[in-house]
């Protein structure tokens, strides 16, 4: 529950201000006095999302829930991937893993 509470930023969430949450949807780095949406891999939001999805295990599905958050997150990530040509398949494949929780058939086709 703590991972969902502190790392996921759903629409209307109460942990982070909307001006931060609306542009990121997931925390990349969380410290005692700071929160960031970037990682060592780069500033693209896909890296923060990918790091929080790894490792992909049977528990990943439970960590990503509720389905409403997954749907919001995938809509956000689809926009990011459409506009960020620097993201390679190793990172975008993690979006496919997340999509498989909601829509296994579409994920399989990707």
Protein backbone atom coordinates (compact mmCIF):
# COMPACT_ATOMS: atom_id res chain seq x y z
CA UNK A 1 0.00 0.00 0.00
CA UNK A 2 2.84 2.42 0.74
CA UNK A 3 4.26 2.06 -2.78
CA UNK A 4 0.89 2.95 -4.26
CA UNK A 5 0.37 5.81 -1.82
CA UNK A 6 3.75 7.52 -2.21
CA UNK A 7 4.80 6.60 -5.76
CA UNK A 8 1.54 6.62 -7.74
CA UNK A 9 -0.08 9.95 -8.46
CA UNK A 10 -3.68 9.37 -9.55
CA UNK A 11 -5.91 12.15 -10.79
CA UNK A 12 -7.25 13.92 -7.71
CA UNK A 13 -4.65 12.30 -5.44
CA UNK A 14 -4.03 13.90 -2.09
CA UNK A 15 -0.30 13.31 -1.51
CA UNK A 16 1.26 15.63 -4.12
CA UNK A 17 0.16 18.98 -5.53
CA UNK A 18 -1.70 18.76 -8.86
CA UNK A 19 0.95 20.86 -10.61
CA UNK A 20 3.46 18.05 -9.94
CA UNK A 21 1.18 15.01 -10.20
CA UNK A 22 -0.56 16.04 -13.44
CA UNK A 23 2.76 16.22 -15.29
CA UNK A 24 4.30 13.02 -14.00
CA UNK A 25 1.77 10.47 -12.64
CA UNK A 26 4.54 8.48 -10.92
CA UNK A 27 7.40 9.39 -8.61
CA UNK A 28 10.89 8.44 -9.75
CA UNK A 29 12.93 9.40 -6.70
CA UNK A 30 11.52 9.84 -3.20
CA UNK A 31 13.66 11.22 -0.40
CA UNK A 32 13.07 12.54 3.08
CA UNK A 33 12.87 16.14 1.88
CA UNK A 34 12.36 15.88 -1.86
CA UNK A 35 10.38 14.14 -4.55
CA UNK A 36 11.29 13.96 -8.21
CA UNK A 37 9.91 12.47 -11.37
CA UNK A 38 13.29 11.92 -12.97
CA UNK A 39 15.78 9.07 -12.57
CA UNK A 40 19.46 8.51 -13.27
CA UNK A 41 18.43 7.25 -16.71
CA UNK A 42 17.09 10.62 -17.82
CA UNK A 43 14.30 13.17 -17.47
CA UNK A 44 11.64 11.38 -19.52
CA UNK A 45 8.68 10.25 -17.40
CA UNK A 46 8.94 6.80 -18.98
CA UNK A 47 12.05 6.13 -16.90
CA UNK A 48 10.32 6.89 -13.60
CA UNK A 49 7.39 4.71 -14.59
CA UNK A 50 9.62 1.89 -15.81
CA UNK A 51 11.70 1.85 -12.65
CA UNK A 52 8.58 1.54 -10.52
CA UNK A 53 7.24 -1.32 -12.67
CA UNK A 54 10.50 -3.30 -12.40
CA UNK A 55 10.94 -6.09 -11.63
CA UNK A 56 8.02 -7.57 -13.51
CA UNK A 57 6.75 -10.46 -11.39
CA UNK A 58 3.32 -11.87 -10.52
CA UNK A 59 3.16 -9.21 -7.77
CA UNK A 60 3.52 -6.39 -10.30
CA UNK A 61 -0.16 -6.56 -11.16
CA UNK A 62 -1.12 -6.02 -7.53
CA UNK A 63 1.33 -3.12 -7.12
CA UNK A 64 -0.10 -1.30 -10.13
CA UNK A 65 -3.73 -1.51 -8.99
CA UNK A 66 -6.37 -0.10 -8.85
CA UNK A 67 -7.41 -0.45 -12.51
CA UNK A 68 -8.47 3.21 -12.60
CA UNK A 69 -4.86 4.25 -11.88
CA UNK A 70 -3.53 1.90 -14.56
CA UNK A 71 -5.93 3.41 -17.13
CA UNK A 72 -4.88 6.96 -16.19
CA UNK A 73 -1.22 6.00 -16.25
CA UNK A 74 -1.44 4.30 -19.63
CA UNK A 75 -3.19 7.31 -21.15
CA UNK A 76 -0.37 9.50 -19.80
CA UNK A 77 2.35 7.14 -21.05
CA UNK A 78 0.82 6.83 -24.51
CA UNK A 79 1.21 10.59 -24.90
CA UNK A 80 4.79 10.48 -23.58
CA UNK A 81 5.76 7.68 -25.97
CA UNK A 82 4.18 9.45 -28.93
CA UNK A 83 6.31 12.56 -28.29
CA UNK A 84 9.58 11.12 -26.96
CA UNK A 85 11.57 9.55 -29.79
CA UNK A 86 14.56 8.94 -27.50
CA UNK A 87 12.78 6.15 -25.57
CA UNK A 88 13.91 2.74 -26.80
CA UNK A 89 12.04 -0.55 -26.79
CA UNK A 90 13.58 -1.76 -23.54
CA UNK A 91 11.67 0.98 -21.69
CA UNK A 92 8.51 1.02 -23.77
CA UNK A 93 8.22 -2.75 -23.23
CA UNK A 94 7.46 -2.00 -19.58
CA UNK A 95 4.41 -0.04 -20.72
CA UNK A 96 3.29 -3.20 -22.52
CA UNK A 97 3.65 -5.10 -19.24
CA UNK A 98 1.47 -2.52 -17.49
CA UNK A 99 -1.08 -2.59 -20.31
CA UNK A 100 -1.32 -6.38 -19.98
CA UNK A 101 -2.92 -5.94 -16.56
CA UNK A 102 -5.93 -4.17 -18.12
CA UNK A 103 -5.94 -5.43 -21.70
CA UNK A 104 -3.89 -8.61 -22.21
CA UNK A 105 -4.96 -9.03 -25.85
CA UNK A 106 -3.88 -5.53 -26.87
CA UNK A 107 -0.62 -5.90 -24.95
CA UNK A 108 0.08 -9.19 -26.70
CA UNK A 109 -0.33 -7.46 -30.10
CA UNK A 110 2.11 -4.70 -29.12
